[in-house]
Amino acid sequence: MSRAVAPRRPAGVSRPSRAHGRDGFTLMEIVMVLIIIAVGTAIVIPMVEGGFDSREVRRAARQIASTMHYCRGEAVSRGKPQEMVVDLLKNSIHTTDDERWAILTDRAVIEKVRGGNELGQGLVQILFFPNGSTSGAEVVLASRRDHFRNRLKITLDPLLGSVRVADDVG
């Protein structure tokens, strides 16, 4: 009968010691890890939120620009004027006979409209004519939380009816 023999350690190598014979983490180590996680979260969350706001402002600008393209195309193809009404109070847009409409999300707000015909009560009418021209307008969109960083301007050319979206610097 043979007996199993434990392997010998080389000279000078000691057995790993355990503090007080227990495994695990100290309270201080756990607190430090939690602090690191909290600091990381505090840095990352505002950056993510800002990205959502910026994306919503860009999406709203594309929606308004496409509605302007639609109105111009309808005016030319039908041979009669079309309109797009911007409602600043309801943060929405709609077209002639409400064929197209949109209520913007609460992250993107229509800040102001330059040009067009003011109808009162926060309504601005933008006209599109059968020859391809328009009444012209500039619609400024901004993030509801940060009006200065996330701003876009949609410019509608009065003669050509072309639409351009660009950053609004002021």
N, C-alpha and C. Protein backbone atom coordinates (compact mmCIF):
# COMPACT_ATOMS: atom_id res chain seq x y z
N MET A 1 0.81 -1.16 0.00
CA MET A 1 0.00 0.00 0.00
C MET A 1 0.87 1.24 0.00
N SER A 2 0.55 2.12 -0.90
CA SER A 2 1.34 3.34 -0.95
C SER A 2 0.53 4.51 -0.42
N ARG A 3 1.24 5.44 0.09
CA ARG A 3 0.60 6.62 0.66
C ARG A 3 0.91 7.83 -0.18
N ALA A 4 -0.11 8.72 -0.37
CA ALA A 4 0.12 9.95 -1.14
C ALA A 4 0.94 10.91 -0.30
N VAL A 5 1.93 11.51 -0.96
CA VAL A 5 2.81 12.43 -0.27
C VAL A 5 2.59 13.82 -0.84
N ALA A 6 2.43 14.77 0.04
CA ALA A 6 2.24 16.15 -0.41
C ALA A 6 3.53 16.68 -1.01
N PRO A 7 3.42 17.45 -2.11
CA PRO A 7 4.64 17.98 -2.71
C PRO A 7 5.34 18.94 -1.75
N ARG A 8 6.65 18.93 -1.81
CA ARG A 8 7.43 19.81 -0.94
C ARG A 8 7.60 21.18 -1.60
N ARG A 9 7.61 22.19 -0.77
CA ARG A 9 7.85 23.55 -1.27
C ARG A 9 9.34 23.77 -1.35
N PRO A 10 9.73 24.54 -2.38
CA PRO A 10 11.15 24.87 -2.46
C PRO A 10 11.56 25.69 -1.24
N ALA A 11 12.80 25.64 -0.91
CA ALA A 11 13.31 26.36 0.25
C ALA A 11 13.12 27.85 0.06
N GLY A 12 12.69 28.54 1.06
CA GLY A 12 12.52 30.00 1.03
C GLY A 12 11.14 30.44 0.58
N VAL A 13 10.28 29.54 0.12
CA VAL A 13 8.92 29.91 -0.31
C VAL A 13 7.99 29.56 0.83
N SER A 14 7.28 30.55 1.30
CA SER A 14 6.39 30.30 2.42
C SER A 14 4.96 30.09 1.92
N ARG A 15 4.20 29.55 2.77
CA ARG A 15 2.80 29.31 2.44
C ARG A 15 2.06 30.65 2.45
N PRO A 16 1.11 30.88 1.46
CA PRO A 16 0.37 32.15 1.47
C PRO A 16 -0.40 32.29 2.78
N SER A 17 -0.33 33.48 3.34
CA SER A 17 -1.00 33.69 4.62
C SER A 17 -2.34 34.39 4.39
N ARG A 18 -3.25 34.13 5.22
CA ARG A 18 -4.56 34.78 5.17
C ARG A 18 -4.71 35.57 6.45
N ALA A 19 -5.19 36.81 6.29
CA ALA A 19 -5.36 37.64 7.47
C ALA A 19 -6.47 37.05 8.33
N HIS A 20 -6.16 36.72 9.49
CA HIS A 20 -7.11 36.18 10.47
C HIS A 20 -7.83 34.94 9.94
N GLY A 21 -7.30 34.32 8.90
CA GLY A 21 -7.87 33.08 8.39
C GLY A 21 -9.18 33.26 7.63
N ARG A 22 -9.52 34.48 7.13
CA ARG A 22 -10.78 34.70 6.41
C ARG A 22 -10.52 35.12 4.98
N ASP A 23 -11.42 34.71 4.06
CA ASP A 23 -11.37 35.16 2.67
C ASP A 23 -12.35 36.32 2.51
N GLY A 24 -12.17 37.12 1.43
CA GLY A 24 -13.13 38.18 1.14
C GLY A 24 -12.48 39.54 1.06
N PHE A 25 -13.34 40.55 0.93
CA PHE A 25 -12.88 41.93 0.80
C PHE A 25 -13.14 42.68 2.09
N THR A 26 -12.32 43.68 2.33
CA THR A 26 -12.54 44.52 3.50
C THR A 26 -13.61 45.55 3.17
N LEU A 27 -14.18 46.12 4.18
CA LEU A 27 -15.19 47.16 4.00
C LEU A 27 -14.61 48.35 3.22
N MET A 28 -13.38 48.68 3.50
CA MET A 28 -12.72 49.80 2.81
C MET A 28 -12.61 49.52 1.31
N GLU A 29 -12.27 48.31 0.93
CA GLU A 29 -12.17 47.96 -0.49
C GLU A 29 -13.52 48.07 -1.19
N ILE A 30 -14.56 47.60 -0.55
CA ILE A 30 -15.89 47.68 -1.13
C ILE A 30 -16.34 49.13 -1.28
N VAL A 31 -16.09 49.95 -0.28
CA VAL A 31 -16.45 51.38 -0.34
C VAL A 31 -15.71 52.07 -1.48
N MET A 32 -14.43 51.76 -1.65
CA MET A 32 -13.66 52.39 -2.73
C MET A 32 -14.21 52.00 -4.10
N VAL A 33 -14.58 50.75 -4.29
CA VAL A 33 -15.16 50.30 -5.56
C VAL A 33 -16.48 51.02 -5.82
N LEU A 34 -17.31 51.16 -4.80
CA LEU A 34 -18.59 51.86 -4.96
C LEU A 34 -18.38 53.33 -5.30
N ILE A 35 -17.38 53.96 -4.72
CA ILE A 35 -17.08 55.37 -5.04
C ILE A 35 -16.64 55.49 -6.49
N ILE A 36 -15.80 54.59 -6.95
CA ILE A 36 -15.34 54.62 -8.34
C ILE A 36 -16.52 54.45 -9.30
N ILE A 37 -17.42 53.53 -8.99
CA ILE A 37 -18.61 53.32 -9.83
C ILE A 37 -19.49 54.57 -9.83
N ALA A 38 -19.69 55.20 -8.68
CA ALA A 38 -20.52 56.40 -8.59
C ALA A 38 -19.93 57.55 -9.40
N VAL A 39 -18.62 57.74 -9.31
CA VAL A 39 -17.97 58.82 -10.07
C VAL A 39 -18.09 58.55 -11.57
N GLY A 40 -17.86 57.33 -11.98
CA GLY A 40 -18.00 56.98 -13.40
C GLY A 40 -19.40 57.21 -13.91
N THR A 41 -20.39 56.83 -13.14
CA THR A 41 -21.78 57.04 -13.52
C THR A 41 -22.11 58.52 -13.61
N ALA A 42 -21.62 59.31 -12.67
CA ALA A 42 -21.89 60.75 -12.67
C ALA A 42 -21.28 61.43 -13.89
N ILE A 43 -20.22 60.89 -14.42
CA ILE A 43 -19.59 61.47 -15.60
C ILE A 43 -20.29 61.02 -16.87
N VAL A 44 -20.69 59.77 -16.95
CA VAL A 44 -21.23 59.19 -18.19
C VAL A 44 -22.68 59.59 -18.44
N ILE A 45 -23.53 59.61 -17.44
CA ILE A 45 -24.97 59.85 -17.65
C ILE A 45 -25.25 61.19 -18.32
N PRO A 46 -24.66 62.32 -17.92
CA PRO A 46 -24.94 63.57 -18.63
C PRO A 46 -24.51 63.52 -20.10
N MET A 47 -23.43 62.80 -20.39
CA MET A 47 -22.99 62.69 -21.78
C MET A 47 -24.01 61.91 -22.60
N VAL A 48 -24.57 60.87 -22.04
CA VAL A 48 -25.58 60.08 -22.74
C VAL A 48 -26.85 60.90 -22.94
N GLU A 49 -27.29 61.61 -21.90
CA GLU A 49 -28.49 62.45 -22.00
C GLU A 49 -28.31 63.52 -23.07
N GLY A 50 -27.14 64.14 -23.12
CA GLY A 50 -26.87 65.16 -24.14
C GLY A 50 -26.95 64.58 -25.54
N GLY A 51 -26.52 63.34 -25.70
CA GLY A 51 -26.62 62.67 -26.99
C GLY A 51 -28.06 62.45 -27.40
N PHE A 52 -28.93 62.09 -26.44
CA PHE A 52 -30.35 61.92 -26.74
C PHE A 52 -30.96 63.24 -27.18
N ASP A 53 -30.65 64.33 -26.48
CA ASP A 53 -31.19 65.64 -26.84
C ASP A 53 -30.75 66.05 -28.23
N SER A 54 -29.47 65.89 -28.51
CA SER A 54 -28.93 66.26 -29.82
C SER A 54 -29.60 65.44 -30.92
N ARG A 55 -29.78 64.16 -30.69
CA ARG A 55 -30.43 63.30 -31.69
C ARG A 55 -31.87 63.72 -31.93
N GLU A 56 -32.59 64.08 -30.89
CA GLU A 56 -33.99 64.49 -31.05
C GLU A 56 -34.11 65.81 -31.80
N VAL A 57 -33.19 66.75 -31.55
CA VAL A 57 -33.20 68.02 -32.28
C VAL A 57 -32.93 67.76 -33.77
N ARG A 58 -31.96 66.90 -34.08
CA ARG A 58 -31.68 66.57 -35.48
C ARG A 58 -32.86 65.87 -36.14
N ARG A 59 -33.50 64.97 -35.40
CA ARG A 59 -34.66 64.26 -35.94
C ARG A 59 -35.81 65.23 -36.24
N ALA A 60 -36.06 66.16 -35.33
CA ALA A 60 -37.11 67.16 -35.54
C ALA A 60 -36.79 68.05 -36.74
N ALA A 61 -35.52 68.41 -36.90
CA ALA A 61 -35.11 69.24 -38.04
C ALA A 61 -35.34 68.49 -39.35
N ARG A 62 -35.00 67.20 -39.38
CA ARG A 62 -35.25 66.41 -40.59
C ARG A 62 -36.74 66.31 -40.88
N GLN A 63 -37.54 66.18 -39.84
CA GLN A 63 -38.98 66.07 -40.02
C GLN A 63 -39.56 67.37 -40.60
N ILE A 64 -39.13 68.50 -40.09
CA ILE A 64 -39.63 69.78 -40.60
C ILE A 64 -39.14 70.00 -42.02
N ALA A 65 -37.86 69.71 -42.29
CA ALA A 65 -37.31 69.88 -43.64
C ALA A 65 -38.05 68.99 -44.64
N SER A 66 -38.34 67.75 -44.27
CA SER A 66 -39.03 66.86 -45.20
C SER A 66 -40.47 67.33 -45.44
N THR A 67 -41.10 67.90 -44.43
CA THR A 67 -42.44 68.45 -44.61
C THR A 67 -42.41 69.66 -45.55
N MET A 68 -41.37 70.47 -45.45
CA MET A 68 -41.21 71.60 -46.38
C MET A 68 -41.03 71.08 -47.82
N HIS A 69 -40.20 70.06 -48.00
CA HIS A 69 -40.02 69.47 -49.34
C HIS A 69 -41.35 68.93 -49.86
N TYR A 70 -42.09 68.27 -48.99
CA TYR A 70 -43.39 67.71 -49.37
C TYR A 70 -44.34 68.82 -49.84
N CYS A 71 -44.44 69.89 -49.07
CA CYS A 71 -45.35 71.00 -49.41
C CYS A 71 -44.96 71.63 -50.74
N ARG A 72 -43.68 71.83 -50.96
CA ARG A 72 -43.23 72.41 -52.24
C ARG A 72 -43.61 71.48 -53.39
N GLY A 73 -43.35 70.20 -53.25
CA GLY A 73 -43.69 69.23 -54.29
C GLY A 73 -45.18 69.17 -54.55
N GLU A 74 -46.00 69.22 -53.52
CA GLU A 74 -47.45 69.20 -53.68
C GLU A 74 -47.94 70.47 -54.38
N ALA A 75 -47.37 71.62 -54.05
CA ALA A 75 -47.77 72.88 -54.69
C ALA A 75 -47.47 72.84 -56.18
N VAL A 76 -46.30 72.33 -56.54
CA VAL A 76 -45.90 72.26 -57.95
C VAL A 76 -46.76 71.22 -58.68
N SER A 77 -46.95 70.05 -58.10
CA SER A 77 -47.70 69.00 -58.81
C SER A 77 -49.20 69.27 -58.88
N ARG A 78 -49.78 69.88 -57.87
CA ARG A 78 -51.22 70.18 -57.87
C ARG A 78 -51.56 71.49 -58.58
N GLY A 79 -50.56 72.35 -58.69
CA GLY A 79 -50.79 73.64 -59.34
C GLY A 79 -51.56 74.63 -58.48
N LYS A 80 -51.55 74.42 -57.17
CA LYS A 80 -52.18 75.38 -56.26
C LYS A 80 -51.34 75.51 -54.99
N PRO A 81 -51.40 76.67 -54.37
CA PRO A 81 -50.56 76.91 -53.18
C PRO A 81 -50.85 75.92 -52.05
N GLN A 82 -49.81 75.60 -51.32
CA GLN A 82 -49.90 74.74 -50.14
C GLN A 82 -49.35 75.53 -48.95
N GLU A 83 -49.69 75.09 -47.76
CA GLU A 83 -49.18 75.78 -46.57
C GLU A 83 -48.70 74.79 -45.53
N MET A 84 -47.75 75.26 -44.77
CA MET A 84 -47.31 74.55 -43.59
C MET A 84 -47.46 75.54 -42.44
N VAL A 85 -48.14 75.12 -41.38
CA VAL A 85 -48.35 75.99 -40.23
C VAL A 85 -47.51 75.47 -39.07
N VAL A 86 -46.72 76.36 -38.49
CA VAL A 86 -45.89 76.03 -37.33
C VAL A 86 -46.61 76.58 -36.10
N ASP A 87 -46.87 75.72 -35.15
CA ASP A 87 -47.54 76.12 -33.91
C ASP A 87 -46.49 76.12 -32.80
N LEU A 88 -46.05 77.31 -32.42
CA LEU A 88 -45.01 77.44 -31.40
C LEU A 88 -45.50 77.02 -30.02
N LEU A 89 -46.78 77.23 -29.73
CA LEU A 89 -47.30 76.89 -28.41
C LEU A 89 -47.47 75.38 -28.22
N LYS A 90 -47.88 74.69 -29.27
CA LYS A 90 -48.06 73.23 -29.18
C LYS A 90 -46.82 72.46 -29.64
N ASN A 91 -45.80 73.21 -30.10
CA ASN A 91 -44.56 72.59 -30.56
C ASN A 91 -44.85 71.57 -31.66
N SER A 92 -45.62 72.02 -32.67
CA SER A 92 -46.07 71.11 -33.72
C SER A 92 -46.10 71.81 -35.08
N ILE A 93 -46.28 71.01 -36.14
CA ILE A 93 -46.45 71.53 -37.49
C ILE A 93 -47.58 70.75 -38.15
N HIS A 94 -48.24 71.39 -39.12
CA HIS A 94 -49.20 70.67 -39.95
C HIS A 94 -49.29 71.34 -41.32
N THR A 95 -49.79 70.61 -42.30
CA THR A 95 -49.86 71.10 -43.67
C THR A 95 -51.31 71.38 -44.07
N THR A 96 -51.47 71.82 -45.32
CA THR A 96 -52.79 72.10 -45.86
C THR A 96 -53.70 70.90 -45.63
N ASP A 97 -54.91 71.14 -45.14
CA ASP A 97 -55.90 70.09 -44.89
C ASP A 97 -55.37 69.00 -43.94
N ASP A 98 -54.37 69.29 -43.15
CA ASP A 98 -53.81 68.35 -42.18
C ASP A 98 -53.40 67.02 -42.81
N GLU A 99 -52.94 67.05 -44.07
CA GLU A 99 -52.47 65.82 -44.71
C GLU A 99 -51.23 65.28 -44.02
N ARG A 100 -50.39 66.18 -43.56
CA ARG A 100 -49.19 65.80 -42.80
C ARG A 100 -49.14 66.66 -41.56
N TRP A 101 -48.78 66.06 -40.45
CA TRP A 101 -48.63 66.81 -39.22
C TRP A 101 -47.64 66.09 -38.31
N ALA A 102 -47.11 66.83 -37.37
CA ALA A 102 -46.16 66.25 -36.42
C ALA A 102 -46.15 67.08 -35.14
N ILE A 103 -46.13 66.39 -34.02
CA ILE A 103 -45.92 67.03 -32.72
C ILE A 103 -44.53 66.61 -32.29
N LEU A 104 -43.66 67.58 -32.08
CA LEU A 104 -42.28 67.28 -31.74
C LEU A 104 -42.18 66.75 -30.30
N THR A 105 -41.16 65.98 -30.04
CA THR A 105 -40.98 65.43 -28.69
C THR A 105 -40.66 66.55 -27.71
N ASP A 106 -40.71 66.22 -26.44
CA ASP A 106 -40.43 67.24 -25.44
C ASP A 106 -38.94 67.55 -25.30
N ARG A 107 -38.08 66.83 -26.00
CA ARG A 107 -36.63 67.12 -25.96
C ARG A 107 -36.26 68.21 -26.96
N ALA A 108 -37.02 68.36 -28.06
CA ALA A 108 -36.73 69.36 -29.08
C ALA A 108 -37.88 70.37 -29.12
N VAL A 109 -37.54 71.63 -29.13
CA VAL A 109 -38.56 72.68 -29.11
C VAL A 109 -38.34 73.64 -30.28
N ILE A 110 -39.45 74.06 -30.91
CA ILE A 110 -39.37 75.10 -31.94
C ILE A 110 -39.23 76.41 -31.19
N GLU A 111 -38.06 76.99 -31.28
CA GLU A 111 -37.76 78.18 -30.49
C GLU A 111 -38.34 79.45 -31.13
N LYS A 112 -38.14 79.60 -32.44
CA LYS A 112 -38.69 80.77 -33.12
C LYS A 112 -38.75 80.52 -34.62
N VAL A 113 -39.58 81.32 -35.28
CA VAL A 113 -39.71 81.27 -36.73
C VAL A 113 -39.53 82.70 -37.24
N ARG A 114 -38.58 82.86 -38.13
CA ARG A 114 -38.36 84.16 -38.78
C ARG A 114 -38.95 84.07 -40.18
N GLY A 115 -39.77 85.02 -40.55
CA GLY A 115 -40.41 85.00 -41.86
C GLY A 115 -41.77 84.32 -41.76
N GLY A 116 -42.38 84.07 -42.91
CA GLY A 116 -43.71 83.49 -42.93
C GLY A 116 -44.75 84.52 -42.51
N ASN A 117 -45.99 84.11 -42.44
CA ASN A 117 -47.09 85.00 -42.05
C ASN A 117 -47.54 84.66 -40.64
N GLU A 118 -47.44 85.61 -39.72
CA GLU A 118 -47.87 85.37 -38.35
C GLU A 118 -49.39 85.43 -38.31
N LEU A 119 -49.99 84.36 -37.80
CA LEU A 119 -51.45 84.26 -37.71
C LEU A 119 -51.95 84.58 -36.30
N GLY A 120 -51.04 84.81 -35.37
CA GLY A 120 -51.41 85.07 -33.98
C GLY A 120 -51.46 83.79 -33.18
N GLN A 121 -51.48 83.90 -31.88
CA GLN A 121 -51.55 82.78 -30.94
C GLN A 121 -50.44 81.75 -31.18
N GLY A 122 -49.26 82.22 -31.57
CA GLY A 122 -48.11 81.34 -31.77
C GLY A 122 -48.11 80.58 -33.08
N LEU A 123 -49.00 80.92 -34.01
CA LEU A 123 -49.08 80.23 -35.30
C LEU A 123 -48.36 81.04 -36.38
N VAL A 124 -47.56 80.36 -37.19
CA VAL A 124 -46.87 80.99 -38.31
C VAL A 124 -47.14 80.16 -39.56
N GLN A 125 -47.64 80.81 -40.60
CA GLN A 125 -47.96 80.14 -41.87
C GLN A 125 -46.83 80.34 -42.87
N ILE A 126 -46.40 79.24 -43.47
CA ILE A 126 -45.38 79.30 -44.52
C ILE A 126 -46.04 78.80 -45.80
N LEU A 127 -45.99 79.61 -46.85
CA LEU A 127 -46.68 79.28 -48.11
C LEU A 127 -45.71 78.72 -49.14
N PHE A 128 -46.23 77.80 -49.97
CA PHE A 128 -45.49 77.19 -51.06
C PHE A 128 -46.33 77.38 -52.33
N PHE A 129 -45.74 77.94 -53.38
CA PHE A 129 -46.47 78.31 -54.59
C PHE A 129 -46.21 77.33 -55.73
N PRO A 130 -47.16 77.27 -56.71
CA PRO A 130 -47.03 76.32 -57.83
C PRO A 130 -45.78 76.51 -58.69
N ASN A 131 -45.19 77.71 -58.70
CA ASN A 131 -43.98 77.92 -59.50
C ASN A 131 -42.70 77.47 -58.77
N GLY A 132 -42.84 76.90 -57.56
CA GLY A 132 -41.69 76.39 -56.81
C GLY A 132 -41.15 77.37 -55.79
N SER A 133 -41.62 78.61 -55.81
CA SER A 133 -41.15 79.58 -54.82
C SER A 133 -41.97 79.44 -53.53
N THR A 134 -41.50 80.10 -52.48
CA THR A 134 -42.16 80.02 -51.17
C THR A 134 -42.20 81.40 -50.53
N SER A 135 -42.89 81.49 -49.42
CA SER A 135 -42.86 82.75 -48.67
C SER A 135 -41.55 82.89 -47.91
N GLY A 136 -40.80 81.80 -47.82
CA GLY A 136 -39.51 81.83 -47.14
C GLY A 136 -39.65 81.86 -45.63
N ALA A 137 -38.70 81.23 -44.95
CA ALA A 137 -38.73 81.23 -43.48
C ALA A 137 -37.45 80.61 -42.94
N GLU A 138 -37.21 80.88 -41.68
CA GLU A 138 -36.15 80.22 -40.91
C GLU A 138 -36.79 79.70 -39.63
N VAL A 139 -36.66 78.42 -39.40
CA VAL A 139 -37.19 77.81 -38.19
C VAL A 139 -36.00 77.40 -37.33
N VAL A 140 -35.98 77.87 -36.10
CA VAL A 140 -34.87 77.56 -35.18
C VAL A 140 -35.37 76.55 -34.16
N LEU A 141 -34.65 75.42 -34.10
CA LEU A 141 -34.95 74.36 -33.13
C LEU A 141 -33.85 74.33 -32.08
N ALA A 142 -34.23 73.96 -30.88
CA ALA A 142 -33.24 73.85 -29.80
C ALA A 142 -33.64 72.72 -28.86
N SER A 143 -32.68 72.28 -28.11
CA SER A 143 -32.94 71.30 -27.06
C SER A 143 -33.64 72.02 -25.91
N ARG A 144 -34.65 71.41 -25.37
CA ARG A 144 -35.37 72.04 -24.27
C ARG A 144 -34.47 72.23 -23.04
N ARG A 145 -33.55 71.28 -22.82
CA ARG A 145 -32.66 71.37 -21.64
C ARG A 145 -31.49 72.32 -21.84
N ASP A 146 -30.95 72.38 -23.05
CA ASP A 146 -29.75 73.20 -23.29
C ASP A 146 -29.94 73.98 -24.59
N HIS A 147 -30.54 75.17 -24.47
CA HIS A 147 -30.87 75.98 -25.65
C HIS A 147 -29.64 76.49 -26.39
N PHE A 148 -28.48 76.43 -25.78
CA PHE A 148 -27.30 77.03 -26.41
C PHE A 148 -26.42 76.04 -27.14
N ARG A 149 -26.40 74.78 -26.71
CA ARG A 149 -25.52 73.79 -27.35
C ARG A 149 -26.17 73.09 -28.52
N ASN A 150 -27.39 72.63 -28.37
CA ASN A 150 -28.07 71.85 -29.40
C ASN A 150 -29.09 72.74 -30.13
N ARG A 151 -28.62 73.44 -31.14
CA ARG A 151 -29.49 74.35 -31.91
C ARG A 151 -29.29 74.11 -33.39
N LEU A 152 -30.39 74.04 -34.11
CA LEU A 152 -30.34 73.90 -35.56
C LEU A 152 -31.28 74.92 -36.20
N LYS A 153 -30.91 75.35 -37.39
CA LYS A 153 -31.72 76.31 -38.13
C LYS A 153 -32.09 75.68 -39.48
N ILE A 154 -33.39 75.66 -39.79
CA ILE A 154 -33.88 75.17 -41.07
C ILE A 154 -34.23 76.41 -41.89
N THR A 155 -33.53 76.59 -43.00
CA THR A 155 -33.74 77.77 -43.84
C THR A 155 -34.45 77.36 -45.12
N LEU A 156 -35.57 78.03 -45.41
CA LEU A 156 -36.35 77.79 -46.63
C LEU A 156 -36.15 78.98 -47.55
N ASP A 157 -35.51 78.75 -48.69
CA ASP A 157 -35.22 79.82 -49.65
C ASP A 157 -36.52 80.27 -50.31
N PRO A 158 -36.79 81.58 -50.33
CA PRO A 158 -38.06 82.06 -50.89
C PRO A 158 -38.15 81.93 -52.43
N LEU A 159 -37.04 82.04 -53.14
CA LEU A 159 -37.08 81.99 -54.60
C LEU A 159 -37.01 80.57 -55.14
N LEU A 160 -36.13 79.77 -54.62
CA LEU A 160 -35.92 78.42 -55.14
C LEU A 160 -36.71 77.35 -54.41
N GLY A 161 -37.12 77.63 -53.18
CA GLY A 161 -37.83 76.64 -52.39
C GLY A 161 -36.92 75.58 -51.81
N SER A 162 -35.62 75.78 -51.89
CA SER A 162 -34.68 74.79 -51.34
C SER A 162 -34.63 74.91 -49.82
N VAL A 163 -34.33 73.79 -49.18
CA VAL A 163 -34.30 73.72 -47.72
C VAL A 163 -32.89 73.36 -47.29
N ARG A 164 -32.39 74.08 -46.30
CA ARG A 164 -31.04 73.83 -45.79
C ARG A 164 -31.10 73.75 -44.26
N VAL A 165 -30.46 72.74 -43.70
CA VAL A 165 -30.39 72.58 -42.25
C VAL A 165 -28.95 72.82 -41.83
N ALA A 166 -28.76 73.70 -40.85
CA ALA A 166 -27.40 74.02 -40.38
C ALA A 166 -27.44 74.35 -38.90
N ASP A 167 -26.25 74.32 -38.29
CA ASP A 167 -26.13 74.75 -36.89
C ASP A 167 -26.50 76.21 -36.79
N ASP A 168 -27.19 76.57 -35.72
CA ASP A 168 -27.54 77.97 -35.45
C ASP A 168 -26.61 78.48 -34.37
N VAL A 169 -25.79 79.43 -34.73
CA VAL A 169 -24.80 79.94 -33.78
C VAL A 169 -25.30 81.18 -33.04
N GLY A 170 -26.48 81.59 -33.27
CA GLY A 170 -26.96 82.73 -32.51
C GLY A 170 -27.99 83.51 -33.17
